[in-house]
N, C-alpha and C. Protein backbone atom coordinates (compact mmCIF):
# COMPACT_ATOMS: atom_id res chain seq x y z
N UNK A 1 211.48 0.83 -365.61
CA UNK A 1 211.67 -0.89 -365.27
C UNK A 1 212.69 -0.92 -365.00
N UNK A 2 214.14 0.03 -364.69
CA UNK A 2 215.21 -0.12 -364.49
C UNK A 2 214.82 0.55 -362.78
N UNK A 3 214.06 1.75 -362.61
CA UNK A 3 213.88 2.32 -361.00
C UNK A 3 213.22 1.41 -360.06
N UNK A 4 211.68 0.57 -360.82
CA UNK A 4 211.45 -0.78 -360.11
C UNK A 4 211.90 -1.77 -359.79
N UNK A 5 212.98 -2.16 -360.39
CA UNK A 5 213.68 -2.83 -360.10
C UNK A 5 215.00 -2.80 -359.18
N UNK A 6 215.38 -1.03 -358.68
CA UNK A 6 216.19 -0.69 -357.71
C UNK A 6 215.13 -0.86 -356.66
N UNK A 7 213.77 -0.07 -356.48
CA UNK A 7 212.98 -0.15 -355.69
C UNK A 7 212.99 -1.18 -354.92
N UNK A 8 212.53 -2.67 -355.89
CA UNK A 8 212.42 -3.61 -355.38
C UNK A 8 213.86 -4.63 -355.15
N UNK A 9 215.35 -3.74 -354.99
CA UNK A 9 216.04 -4.56 -354.73
C UNK A 9 216.38 -3.61 -353.10
N UNK A 10 216.02 -2.83 -352.91
CA UNK A 10 215.73 -1.98 -351.31
C UNK A 10 215.31 -2.21 -350.34
N UNK A 11 213.90 -2.70 -351.17
CA UNK A 11 212.63 -3.17 -350.03
C UNK A 11 213.18 -4.30 -350.07
N UNK A 12 213.73 -5.29 -350.45
CA UNK A 12 214.04 -6.64 -350.18
C UNK A 12 215.00 -6.33 -349.04
N UNK A 13 216.47 -5.35 -349.77
CA UNK A 13 217.46 -5.27 -348.63
C UNK A 13 217.02 -4.78 -347.03
N UNK A 14 215.75 -3.68 -346.94
CA UNK A 14 215.33 -3.55 -346.07
C UNK A 14 214.55 -4.24 -344.83
N UNK A 15 213.61 -5.34 -345.37
CA UNK A 15 213.03 -6.10 -345.46
C UNK A 15 214.06 -7.41 -344.61
N UNK A 16 215.11 -7.81 -345.19
CA UNK A 16 215.86 -8.77 -344.85
C UNK A 16 216.47 -8.15 -343.29
N UNK A 17 217.22 -6.99 -343.28
CA UNK A 17 217.58 -6.64 -342.06
C UNK A 17 216.47 -5.82 -341.59
N UNK A 18 215.37 -6.16 -341.40
CA UNK A 18 213.93 -5.99 -340.70
C UNK A 18 214.06 -7.34 -339.64
N UNK A 19 214.01 -8.58 -340.86
CA UNK A 19 213.76 -9.31 -340.28
C UNK A 19 214.88 -10.16 -339.44
N UNK A 20 216.21 -9.81 -339.59
CA UNK A 20 217.41 -10.38 -338.98
C UNK A 20 217.27 -9.80 -337.53
N UNK A 21 217.03 -8.61 -337.17
CA UNK A 21 216.75 -7.61 -335.92
C UNK A 21 214.97 -8.45 -335.31
N UNK A 22 214.60 -8.64 -335.88
CA UNK A 22 213.62 -9.37 -335.22
C UNK A 22 213.76 -10.84 -334.87
N UNK A 23 214.57 -11.55 -335.42
CA UNK A 23 214.62 -12.94 -335.29
C UNK A 23 216.08 -12.39 -333.94
N UNK A 24 216.93 -11.42 -334.11
CA UNK A 24 217.73 -11.37 -333.00
C UNK A 24 217.31 -10.93 -331.34
N UNK A 25 215.69 -9.99 -331.86
CA UNK A 25 214.96 -9.35 -330.74
C UNK A 25 214.95 -11.08 -330.15
N UNK A 26 214.31 -12.21 -330.45
CA UNK A 26 213.75 -12.78 -329.95
C UNK A 26 214.54 -14.04 -329.74
N UNK A 27 215.87 -13.61 -330.02
CA UNK A 27 216.92 -15.01 -329.48
C UNK A 27 217.92 -14.47 -327.79
N UNK A 28 218.04 -15.84 -327.17
CA UNK A 28 218.53 -15.05 -326.11
C UNK A 28 219.79 -14.27 -325.84
N UNK A 29 219.86 -13.48 -325.18
CA UNK A 29 220.71 -12.27 -325.46
C UNK A 29 221.68 -12.71 -324.32
N UNK A 30 223.30 -11.99 -324.59
CA UNK A 30 224.50 -12.34 -323.67
C UNK A 30 224.48 -11.86 -322.89
N UNK A 31 224.78 -12.11 -321.28
CA UNK A 31 224.51 -11.87 -320.19
C UNK A 31 225.64 -10.72 -320.04
N UNK A 32 225.50 -9.91 -319.63
CA UNK A 32 225.88 -8.40 -319.79
C UNK A 32 226.46 -8.83 -317.73
N UNK A 33 227.97 -9.07 -317.76
CA UNK A 33 228.85 -9.57 -316.35
C UNK A 33 228.59 -8.06 -315.84
N UNK A 34 229.11 -7.02 -316.81
CA UNK A 34 229.57 -5.95 -315.96
C UNK A 34 228.56 -4.63 -315.88
N UNK A 35 227.36 -5.09 -316.18
CA UNK A 35 226.40 -3.81 -315.51
C UNK A 35 225.12 -5.11 -314.72
N UNK A 36 225.54 -5.82 -314.79
CA UNK A 36 225.17 -7.04 -313.15
C UNK A 36 225.94 -6.15 -312.03
N UNK A 37 227.55 -6.73 -312.53
CA UNK A 37 227.70 -6.19 -310.92
C UNK A 37 227.79 -5.02 -310.84
N UNK A 38 227.55 -4.10 -311.66
CA UNK A 38 227.09 -2.75 -311.17
C UNK A 38 225.92 -2.46 -309.91
N UNK A 39 224.68 -3.18 -311.15
CA UNK A 39 223.85 -2.86 -310.13
C UNK A 39 223.54 -3.62 -309.37
N UNK A 40 224.66 -4.76 -308.88
CA UNK A 40 224.89 -5.43 -307.58
C UNK A 40 225.45 -4.55 -306.38
N UNK A 41 226.19 -4.04 -307.17
CA UNK A 41 226.99 -3.24 -305.90
C UNK A 41 226.10 -1.82 -305.60
N UNK A 42 225.26 -1.38 -306.68
CA UNK A 42 224.32 -0.10 -306.17
C UNK A 42 223.62 -0.42 -304.93
N UNK A 43 223.03 -1.61 -305.56
CA UNK A 43 222.23 -2.22 -304.67
C UNK A 43 222.33 -2.59 -303.37
N UNK A 44 223.63 -2.85 -303.16
CA UNK A 44 224.13 -3.46 -301.81
C UNK A 44 224.94 -2.21 -300.73
N UNK A 45 225.09 -1.02 -302.13
CA UNK A 45 225.50 -0.17 -301.24
C UNK A 45 224.59 1.30 -300.76
N UNK A 46 223.58 0.79 -301.37
CA UNK A 46 222.94 2.35 -301.24
C UNK A 46 222.09 2.56 -300.06
N UNK A 47 221.17 3.00 -299.78
CA UNK A 47 220.76 3.54 -298.57
C UNK A 47 219.82 2.68 -298.60
N UNK A 48 220.04 1.48 -298.86
CA UNK A 48 219.17 0.37 -298.36
C UNK A 48 219.43 -0.77 -298.06
N UNK A 49 220.62 -0.55 -297.41
CA UNK A 49 221.68 -0.79 -296.45
C UNK A 49 220.98 -2.17 -295.42
N UNK A 50 221.93 -3.41 -295.05
CA UNK A 50 220.97 -3.86 -294.42
C UNK A 50 221.02 -2.88 -292.43
N UNK A 51 222.31 -2.20 -292.63
CA UNK A 51 222.45 -1.42 -291.19
C UNK A 51 221.47 -0.63 -290.56
N UNK A 52 221.14 -0.36 -289.88
CA UNK A 52 220.24 0.26 -289.03
C UNK A 52 220.21 1.84 -289.56
N UNK A 53 219.98 2.54 -289.90
CA UNK A 53 219.69 3.83 -290.72
C UNK A 53 220.13 4.14 -291.88
N UNK A 54 220.23 2.79 -292.27
CA UNK A 54 220.69 2.94 -293.76
C UNK A 54 222.29 3.60 -294.31
N UNK A 55 223.05 2.83 -293.04
CA UNK A 55 224.72 3.09 -293.39
C UNK A 55 224.71 1.80 -293.53
N UNK A 56 226.14 1.65 -294.21
CA UNK A 56 226.59 0.39 -294.51
C UNK A 56 228.00 0.55 -293.90
N UNK A 57 228.28 -0.59 -293.40
CA UNK A 57 229.64 -0.93 -292.94
C UNK A 57 229.84 0.64 -291.68
N UNK A 58 229.81 0.62 -290.57
CA UNK A 58 229.10 1.69 -290.44
C UNK A 58 229.85 2.01 -289.00
N UNK A 59 231.16 1.08 -288.71
CA UNK A 59 232.34 1.61 -287.94
C UNK A 59 233.71 2.66 -287.97
N UNK A 60 233.76 2.89 -287.25
CA UNK A 60 235.14 3.67 -287.50
C UNK A 60 235.82 4.05 -286.19
N UNK A 61 237.25 4.23 -285.79
CA UNK A 61 237.92 3.75 -284.86
C UNK A 61 239.21 5.11 -284.89
N UNK A 62 239.97 5.33 -284.49
CA UNK A 62 241.25 6.11 -284.19
C UNK A 62 241.62 6.72 -282.84
N UNK A 63 242.13 8.04 -282.90
CA UNK A 63 243.36 7.82 -281.94
C UNK A 63 243.54 9.64 -282.60
N UNK A 64 244.05 9.99 -280.81
CA UNK A 64 244.19 11.97 -281.41
C UNK A 64 245.47 11.95 -279.86
N UNK A 65 246.12 13.09 -280.16
CA UNK A 65 246.97 13.53 -279.72
C UNK A 65 247.06 15.08 -279.41
N UNK A 66 247.76 15.74 -278.50
CA UNK A 66 247.44 17.42 -277.87
C UNK A 66 247.70 17.17 -276.38
N UNK A 67 247.43 18.24 -275.98
CA UNK A 67 247.23 18.61 -274.90
C UNK A 67 246.58 18.92 -273.92
N UNK A 68 246.65 19.31 -272.21
CA UNK A 68 245.65 19.09 -271.45
C UNK A 68 245.49 20.44 -270.64
N UNK A 69 244.96 20.53 -270.18
CA UNK A 69 245.00 21.97 -268.93
C UNK A 69 243.88 21.88 -268.49
N UNK A 70 244.83 21.75 -266.76
CA UNK A 70 243.54 22.05 -265.83
C UNK A 70 243.26 23.17 -265.72
N UNK A 71 241.67 23.98 -265.69
CA UNK A 71 242.16 25.70 -265.95
C UNK A 71 242.08 26.17 -264.21
N UNK A 72 241.51 25.46 -263.38
CA UNK A 72 241.88 25.66 -261.98
C UNK A 72 242.90 25.15 -260.94
N UNK A 73 243.79 24.39 -261.67
CA UNK A 73 244.59 23.42 -260.48
C UNK A 73 245.83 24.57 -259.96
N UNK A 74 246.07 25.38 -260.40
CA UNK A 74 247.06 25.82 -259.94
C UNK A 74 247.25 27.48 -259.46
N UNK A 75 245.27 27.56 -258.93
CA UNK A 75 245.15 28.75 -258.57
C UNK A 75 245.81 28.95 -256.97
N UNK A 76 246.86 29.87 -256.64
CA UNK A 76 246.41 29.94 -255.59
C UNK A 76 247.99 29.10 -254.88
N UNK A 77 248.46 28.38 -255.75
CA UNK A 77 249.46 28.03 -255.67
C UNK A 77 250.74 28.50 -256.60
N UNK A 78 252.33 27.87 -255.97
CA UNK A 78 253.33 28.13 -256.78
C UNK A 78 254.22 26.84 -257.37
N UNK A 79 254.86 26.82 -257.88
CA UNK A 79 256.08 25.72 -258.40
C UNK A 79 254.69 24.84 -258.93
N UNK A 80 253.46 25.29 -260.13
CA UNK A 80 252.91 23.87 -260.29
C UNK A 80 252.70 24.04 -261.74
N UNK A 81 252.57 23.06 -262.24
CA UNK A 81 252.03 22.64 -264.04
C UNK A 81 250.91 21.91 -264.13
N UNK A 82 250.09 22.85 -265.10
CA UNK A 82 248.79 22.39 -264.99
C UNK A 82 248.57 21.75 -266.29
N UNK A 83 249.33 21.59 -266.90
CA UNK A 83 248.99 21.13 -268.83
C UNK A 83 250.29 20.34 -268.62
N UNK A 84 249.95 19.08 -269.72
CA UNK A 84 250.43 17.87 -269.85
C UNK A 84 250.22 17.24 -271.52
N UNK A 85 251.00 16.14 -272.21
CA UNK A 85 250.69 15.71 -272.89
C UNK A 85 249.33 14.98 -272.82
N UNK A 86 248.68 15.36 -273.98
CA UNK A 86 247.25 14.07 -273.68
C UNK A 86 246.87 13.24 -275.16
N UNK A 87 246.19 12.43 -274.97
CA UNK A 87 246.01 11.57 -276.06
C UNK A 87 244.79 10.43 -275.67
N UNK A 88 244.16 10.46 -276.91
CA UNK A 88 243.05 9.03 -276.98
C UNK A 88 242.78 8.19 -277.99
N UNK A 89 242.28 7.28 -277.43
CA UNK A 89 241.93 6.20 -278.35
C UNK A 89 240.18 6.39 -278.25
N UNK A 90 239.76 6.02 -279.90
CA UNK A 90 238.23 5.97 -279.55
C UNK A 90 237.90 4.96 -280.59
N UNK A 91 236.62 4.70 -280.84
CA UNK A 91 235.67 3.93 -281.67
C UNK A 91 234.34 4.27 -281.43
N UNK A 92 233.87 4.15 -282.88
CA UNK A 92 232.02 4.18 -282.73
C UNK A 92 231.73 3.78 -283.91
N UNK A 93 230.00 3.96 -283.50
CA UNK A 93 229.57 3.55 -284.50
C UNK A 93 228.46 4.70 -285.17
N UNK A 94 227.83 4.72 -286.17
CA UNK A 94 227.34 5.61 -287.38
C UNK A 94 225.71 5.38 -286.98
N UNK A 95 225.20 5.79 -286.62
CA UNK A 95 223.42 5.07 -286.56
C UNK A 95 222.40 5.55 -287.46
N UNK A 96 223.64 7.12 -287.76
CA UNK A 96 223.00 7.82 -288.82
C UNK A 96 223.60 8.35 -289.85
N UNK A 97 223.51 9.16 -291.09
CA UNK A 97 224.59 10.01 -291.71
C UNK A 97 225.02 10.75 -290.89
N UNK A 98 224.48 11.62 -289.47
CA UNK A 98 224.36 12.53 -289.02
C UNK A 98 224.42 12.54 -287.51
N UNK A 99 224.01 11.06 -286.86
CA UNK A 99 224.50 10.94 -285.73
C UNK A 99 225.41 9.52 -285.60
N UNK A 100 226.13 9.76 -284.20
CA UNK A 100 226.80 8.69 -283.90
C UNK A 100 227.18 8.24 -282.30
N UNK A 101 227.72 7.26 -282.22
CA UNK A 101 227.41 6.39 -280.54
C UNK A 101 229.27 6.57 -280.40
N UNK A 102 229.87 7.01 -279.40
CA UNK A 102 230.97 6.90 -279.85
C UNK A 102 231.98 6.75 -278.12
N UNK A 103 233.21 5.92 -278.38
CA UNK A 103 233.64 5.49 -276.73
C UNK A 103 234.90 5.84 -276.90
N UNK A 104 235.47 5.84 -276.06
CA UNK A 104 236.56 6.44 -275.70
C UNK A 104 237.17 6.42 -274.54
N UNK A 105 238.84 5.72 -274.53
CA UNK A 105 239.45 5.74 -273.60
C UNK A 105 240.91 7.30 -273.21
N UNK A 106 240.76 8.20 -272.31
CA UNK A 106 241.22 9.45 -272.74
C UNK A 106 242.55 9.58 -271.74
N UNK A 107 243.57 9.50 -271.89
CA UNK A 107 244.74 10.15 -271.03
C UNK A 107 245.13 11.31 -271.05
N UNK A 108 244.72 12.41 -269.91
CA UNK A 108 244.56 13.90 -269.95
C UNK A 108 246.31 14.04 -269.02
N UNK A 109 247.08 12.93 -269.03
CA UNK A 109 248.73 13.92 -268.32
C UNK A 109 248.35 13.78 -266.78
N UNK A 110 249.58 14.14 -266.52
CA UNK A 110 250.17 14.51 -265.05
C UNK A 110 249.52 15.95 -264.83
N UNK A 111 249.29 16.44 -264.02
CA UNK A 111 249.22 17.88 -263.15
C UNK A 111 250.07 17.45 -262.02
N UNK A 112 251.10 18.71 -261.68
CA UNK A 112 252.45 18.61 -261.07
C UNK A 112 251.89 19.44 -259.73
N UNK A 113 251.96 19.58 -258.71
CA UNK A 113 251.34 21.17 -257.95
C UNK A 113 252.46 21.02 -256.52
N UNK A 114 253.29 21.50 -255.91
CA UNK A 114 254.19 21.34 -255.04
C UNK A 114 254.88 19.98 -254.74
N UNK A 115 254.71 19.25 -254.46
CA UNK A 115 255.33 17.69 -253.77
C UNK A 115 254.26 16.74 -254.33
N UNK A 116 253.28 16.98 -254.76
CA UNK A 116 252.25 15.68 -255.65
C UNK A 116 252.17 15.99 -256.96
N UNK A 117 251.35 14.63 -257.44
CA UNK A 117 251.35 14.48 -258.54
C UNK A 117 249.97 13.80 -258.62
N UNK A 118 249.51 13.99 -260.04
CA UNK A 118 247.92 13.54 -260.44
C UNK A 118 248.24 13.57 -261.67
N UNK A 119 247.82 12.05 -261.61
CA UNK A 119 247.89 11.00 -263.66
C UNK A 119 246.60 10.58 -263.71
N UNK A 120 245.81 11.77 -264.69
CA UNK A 120 243.95 11.95 -265.01
C UNK A 120 244.27 11.00 -266.14
N UNK A 121 243.08 10.23 -265.79
CA UNK A 121 242.30 9.18 -267.27
C UNK A 121 240.83 9.46 -267.19
N UNK A 122 239.95 9.17 -268.14
CA UNK A 122 238.82 8.67 -268.11
C UNK A 122 238.55 7.98 -269.32
N UNK A 123 237.10 7.54 -269.37
CA UNK A 123 236.46 6.63 -270.50
C UNK A 123 234.88 7.09 -270.47
N UNK A 124 234.89 7.64 -271.62
CA UNK A 124 233.60 8.44 -271.86
C UNK A 124 232.99 7.59 -272.72
N UNK A 125 231.48 8.21 -272.94
CA UNK A 125 230.14 7.57 -273.79
C UNK A 125 229.69 9.18 -274.75
N UNK A 126 229.60 8.79 -275.90
CA UNK A 126 229.02 10.02 -276.54
C UNK A 126 228.09 10.11 -277.93
N UNK A 127 227.08 11.08 -277.55
CA UNK A 127 226.77 11.44 -278.94
C UNK A 127 226.68 12.43 -279.06
N UNK A 128 227.68 11.86 -280.99
CA UNK A 128 228.42 12.70 -281.81
C UNK A 128 226.91 13.36 -282.60
N UNK A 129 226.97 14.52 -282.77
CA UNK A 129 226.02 15.08 -283.77
C UNK A 129 226.74 15.65 -285.04
N UNK A 130 226.51 15.44 -286.27
CA UNK A 130 227.70 16.33 -287.13
C UNK A 130 227.00 16.90 -288.14
N UNK A 131 227.78 17.85 -289.31
CA UNK A 131 227.05 18.34 -290.24
C UNK A 131 228.18 18.71 -291.35
N UNK A 132 227.48 18.16 -292.05
CA UNK A 132 228.36 18.74 -293.53
C UNK A 132 228.88 19.80 -294.05
N UNK A 133 230.26 20.78 -293.94
CA UNK A 133 229.97 22.48 -294.55
C UNK A 133 230.30 21.76 -296.02
N UNK A 134 231.08 21.01 -296.73
CA UNK A 134 230.67 20.60 -298.00
C UNK A 134 231.56 19.15 -298.31
N UNK A 135 232.03 18.79 -299.52
CA UNK A 135 232.11 17.01 -299.85
C UNK A 135 233.38 16.78 -298.38
N UNK A 136 234.10 17.32 -298.28
CA UNK A 136 235.50 16.95 -297.55
C UNK A 136 235.10 17.57 -296.13
N UNK A 137 234.58 18.41 -295.59
CA UNK A 137 234.48 19.03 -294.48
C UNK A 137 233.48 18.89 -294.02
N UNK A 138 233.24 18.24 -292.35
CA UNK A 138 232.11 18.58 -291.67
C UNK A 138 232.49 18.84 -290.00
N UNK A 139 231.30 19.62 -289.30
CA UNK A 139 231.91 19.84 -287.95
C UNK A 139 231.01 19.17 -287.02
N UNK A 140 231.43 18.79 -286.51
CA UNK A 140 230.52 18.32 -285.07
C UNK A 140 230.49 18.69 -283.29
N UNK A 141 229.66 18.33 -282.67
CA UNK A 141 229.67 18.41 -281.52
C UNK A 141 228.74 17.21 -280.99
N UNK A 142 229.25 17.33 -279.41
CA UNK A 142 229.47 15.59 -279.04
C UNK A 142 229.08 15.82 -277.32
N UNK A 143 228.59 14.94 -276.70
CA UNK A 143 228.11 15.06 -275.35
C UNK A 143 227.86 13.52 -274.97
N UNK A 144 227.90 13.64 -273.54
CA UNK A 144 228.06 12.00 -273.12
C UNK A 144 228.51 12.26 -271.79
N UNK A 145 228.80 10.94 -271.26
CA UNK A 145 229.29 10.72 -269.86
C UNK A 145 230.30 9.91 -269.71
N UNK A 146 230.96 10.34 -267.98
CA UNK A 146 231.92 9.73 -268.55
C UNK A 146 232.25 9.55 -266.80
N UNK A 147 233.52 8.34 -266.89
CA UNK A 147 234.02 8.01 -265.87
C UNK A 147 236.05 7.92 -265.70
N UNK A 148 235.46 9.24 -264.28
CA UNK A 148 237.07 9.79 -264.34
C UNK A 148 237.65 9.16 -263.20
N UNK A 149 239.36 9.10 -263.41
CA UNK A 149 240.39 8.31 -262.56
C UNK A 149 241.38 9.30 -262.43
N UNK A 150 241.70 9.80 -260.79
CA UNK A 150 243.34 10.12 -260.95
C UNK A 150 243.31 9.85 -259.79
N UNK A 151 244.98 9.72 -259.92
CA UNK A 151 246.04 8.56 -259.04
C UNK A 151 246.87 9.74 -258.51
N UNK A 152 246.79 10.30 -257.27
CA UNK A 152 247.44 11.11 -257.18
C UNK A 152 248.30 10.65 -255.78
N UNK A 153 249.96 10.96 -256.08
CA UNK A 153 250.79 10.48 -255.21
C UNK A 153 250.76 10.71 -253.82
N UNK A 154 250.35 11.61 -253.48
CA UNK A 154 250.22 11.79 -251.84
C UNK A 154 249.15 10.99 -251.21
N UNK A 155 247.56 11.05 -252.46
CA UNK A 155 246.28 11.19 -251.81
C UNK A 155 245.84 9.50 -252.06
N UNK A 156 246.46 8.70 -252.92
CA UNK A 156 245.84 7.75 -253.41
C UNK A 156 244.92 8.19 -254.96
N UNK A 157 244.09 7.13 -255.09
CA UNK A 157 243.36 6.80 -256.33
C UNK A 157 242.01 7.68 -255.58
N UNK A 158 241.58 8.41 -256.73
CA UNK A 158 240.19 8.94 -256.49
C UNK A 158 239.32 8.67 -257.94
N UNK A 159 237.74 8.55 -257.76
CA UNK A 159 237.18 8.36 -259.56
C UNK A 159 235.75 8.87 -259.28
N UNK A 160 235.63 9.15 -260.25
CA UNK A 160 234.01 9.40 -259.96
C UNK A 160 232.99 9.49 -261.55
N UNK A 161 231.60 9.91 -261.45
CA UNK A 161 231.28 10.10 -262.65
C UNK A 161 230.61 11.81 -263.07
N UNK A 162 230.89 12.14 -264.53
CA UNK A 162 230.43 13.35 -264.75
C UNK A 162 230.00 13.28 -265.55
N UNK A 163 229.89 14.59 -266.31
CA UNK A 163 229.47 14.75 -268.05
C UNK A 163 230.83 15.18 -268.55
N UNK A 164 230.82 15.50 -269.95
CA UNK A 164 231.20 15.54 -270.69
C UNK A 164 231.28 15.92 -272.30
N UNK A 165 231.76 17.21 -272.79
CA UNK A 165 231.29 17.42 -273.89
C UNK A 165 232.34 17.85 -274.74
N UNK A 166 232.15 18.38 -275.72
CA UNK A 166 233.36 19.28 -277.38
C UNK A 166 232.76 19.39 -278.23
N UNK A 167 233.63 20.43 -279.41
CA UNK A 167 233.12 20.14 -280.42
C UNK A 167 234.55 20.16 -280.78
N UNK A 168 234.69 19.47 -282.69
CA UNK A 168 235.73 19.81 -283.50
C UNK A 168 234.79 19.83 -284.77
N UNK A 169 236.56 19.61 -286.05
CA UNK A 169 236.16 19.16 -286.96
C UNK A 169 236.65 18.01 -287.72
N UNK A 170 236.09 17.69 -288.96
CA UNK A 170 236.73 16.91 -289.87
C UNK A 170 236.74 16.72 -291.54
N UNK A 171 238.15 17.03 -291.59
CA UNK A 171 238.46 16.58 -292.67
C UNK A 171 238.72 15.21 -293.91
N UNK A 172 238.07 15.37 -295.09
CA UNK A 172 238.51 13.89 -295.04
C UNK A 172 239.78 13.74 -296.42
N UNK A 173 240.41 12.71 -295.80
CA UNK A 173 241.64 12.82 -296.87
C UNK A 173 241.60 11.61 -298.09
N UNK A 174 241.11 10.97 -297.65
CA UNK A 174 240.59 9.37 -298.62
C UNK A 174 239.35 9.12 -298.37
N UNK A 175 239.32 8.03 -299.21
CA UNK A 175 238.19 7.23 -299.03
C UNK A 175 237.52 6.84 -297.64
N UNK A 176 238.46 6.27 -296.59
CA UNK A 176 238.23 5.82 -295.24
C UNK A 176 238.88 6.81 -294.30
N UNK A 177 239.88 7.89 -294.89
CA UNK A 177 240.52 8.31 -293.77
C UNK A 177 240.26 9.63 -293.69
N UNK A 178 239.77 10.08 -292.05
CA UNK A 178 239.39 11.73 -292.26
C UNK A 178 240.29 12.26 -291.26
N UNK A 179 241.41 13.03 -291.51
CA UNK A 179 241.82 14.22 -289.91
C UNK A 179 241.08 14.72 -289.16
N UNK A 180 241.34 14.75 -288.01
CA UNK A 180 240.41 14.97 -286.93
C UNK A 180 240.75 15.96 -285.45
N UNK A 181 240.48 17.49 -285.43
CA UNK A 181 240.65 18.49 -284.69
C UNK A 181 239.61 18.41 -283.73
N UNK A 182 239.65 18.24 -282.35
CA UNK A 182 238.46 18.61 -281.37
C UNK A 182 239.19 19.30 -280.56
N UNK A 183 237.81 19.90 -279.26
CA UNK A 183 238.17 20.61 -278.32
C UNK A 183 237.46 19.90 -277.31
N UNK A 184 237.74 19.38 -275.84
CA UNK A 184 236.64 18.35 -275.50
C UNK A 184 237.21 19.41 -274.10
N UNK A 185 235.74 18.75 -273.08
CA UNK A 185 236.10 19.22 -271.54
C UNK A 185 235.58 18.63 -270.68
N UNK A 186 236.63 18.09 -269.21
CA UNK A 186 235.74 16.97 -268.53
C UNK A 186 235.88 17.62 -267.31
N UNK A 187 234.78 18.10 -266.49
CA UNK A 187 234.98 19.11 -265.98
C UNK A 187 234.87 18.61 -264.13
N UNK A 188 234.49 18.90 -262.99
CA UNK A 188 234.98 18.60 -261.49
C UNK A 188 236.08 17.36 -261.41
N UNK A 189 237.15 16.87 -262.38
CA UNK A 189 237.67 16.17 -261.81
C UNK A 189 238.52 16.14 -260.35
N UNK A 190 238.16 15.45 -259.68
CA UNK A 190 238.84 15.60 -258.29
C UNK A 190 240.42 15.12 -258.75
N UNK A 191 241.53 15.75 -258.80
CA UNK A 191 242.99 15.66 -258.43
C UNK A 191 243.74 15.41 -257.15
N UNK A 192 242.58 15.74 -256.25
CA UNK A 192 243.09 14.92 -254.77
C UNK A 192 242.13 14.76 -253.80
N UNK A 193 242.07 14.62 -252.90
CA UNK A 193 240.70 14.64 -251.83
C UNK A 193 240.00 15.71 -251.40
N UNK A 194 241.31 17.37 -251.98
CA UNK A 194 240.69 17.90 -251.66
C UNK A 194 240.88 19.38 -252.81
N UNK A 195 240.85 18.45 -253.91
CA UNK A 195 240.64 19.62 -255.16
C UNK A 195 240.12 18.90 -256.39
N UNK A 196 239.31 19.85 -257.23
CA UNK A 196 238.41 19.84 -257.84
C UNK A 196 238.86 20.69 -259.06
N UNK A 197 238.79 20.19 -260.28
CA UNK A 197 239.60 20.55 -261.56
C UNK A 197 238.91 20.50 -262.55
N UNK A 198 238.43 21.63 -263.72
CA UNK A 198 238.08 21.06 -265.06
C UNK A 198 239.04 20.81 -265.94
N UNK A 199 239.09 19.78 -266.56
CA UNK A 199 240.15 19.56 -267.45
C UNK A 199 239.69 19.55 -269.10
N UNK A 200 240.28 20.81 -269.65
CA UNK A 200 240.26 20.41 -271.32
C UNK A 200 241.27 20.14 -271.71
N UNK A 201 240.78 19.45 -273.06
CA UNK A 201 242.08 19.00 -274.17
C UNK A 201 242.16 19.57 -275.75
N UNK A 202 243.10 19.61 -275.89
CA UNK A 202 242.83 20.03 -277.31
C UNK A 202 243.44 19.22 -278.34
N UNK A 203 243.00 18.94 -279.22
CA UNK A 203 243.57 17.49 -279.76
C UNK A 203 243.41 17.21 -281.86
N UNK A 204 244.32 16.55 -282.15
CA UNK A 204 244.69 16.19 -283.38
C UNK A 204 245.06 14.58 -283.85
N UNK A 205 244.32 14.46 -284.73
CA UNK A 205 244.53 12.91 -285.24
C UNK A 205 243.71 12.59 -286.42
N UNK A 206 243.79 11.10 -286.76
CA UNK A 206 243.02 10.46 -287.30
C UNK A 206 242.03 9.43 -287.19
N UNK A 207 240.98 9.49 -287.69
CA UNK A 207 239.70 8.83 -287.59
C UNK A 207 240.05 7.68 -289.19
N UNK A 208 239.60 6.85 -288.50
CA UNK A 208 239.75 5.16 -290.02
C UNK A 208 237.99 5.16 -290.20
N UNK A 209 237.33 4.92 -291.13
CA UNK A 209 236.70 4.27 -291.40
C UNK A 209 236.02 3.22 -292.20
N UNK A 210 234.81 2.38 -292.05
CA UNK A 210 234.47 1.50 -292.96
C UNK A 210 233.27 2.05 -293.89
N UNK A 211 232.91 3.03 -293.55
CA UNK A 211 232.07 3.43 -294.44
C UNK A 211 232.32 4.08 -295.97
């Protein structure tokens, strides 16, 4: 008899718990704001973003500084300087995770020969292809068009169009900042009416992104 009463008590408790659980399942549940906000962030920042190629906020910009070198500028000349400090400002749009369109203004410095001085600069538009090596390191190559300008102290200003290309590497420093190093070539720049030279640039700088 005692065992029978205990069994009824256990059955009653289990039935009560089951009933409460069933009622709770039917009642409206409290809204989970944390879960909802997490799902919203995931849905708006994943590959289904509104930008082309699925890259959210794909813009980036930055600057580098380094040195330029006029490859053949001093051939056959004495009292000549074919290198100088160079710098550039750039901005780009990340079309996909591995392809960007990038524009830049490049100041290639002054080249000196005898009694003349050539101040060389260029505006470029490049297609940039990148490849990740690790989570924080990537390499890239680029090719595009340039409009170069040369202001010679004796011959006046010269300008023209050409092809430019280069290679480089980036290292992730923070969520929005990368350290960037690169080598670029600017072929066939007219430093005076009678001279052309290929100008190389080696630089390092910072790239700031919004993605």
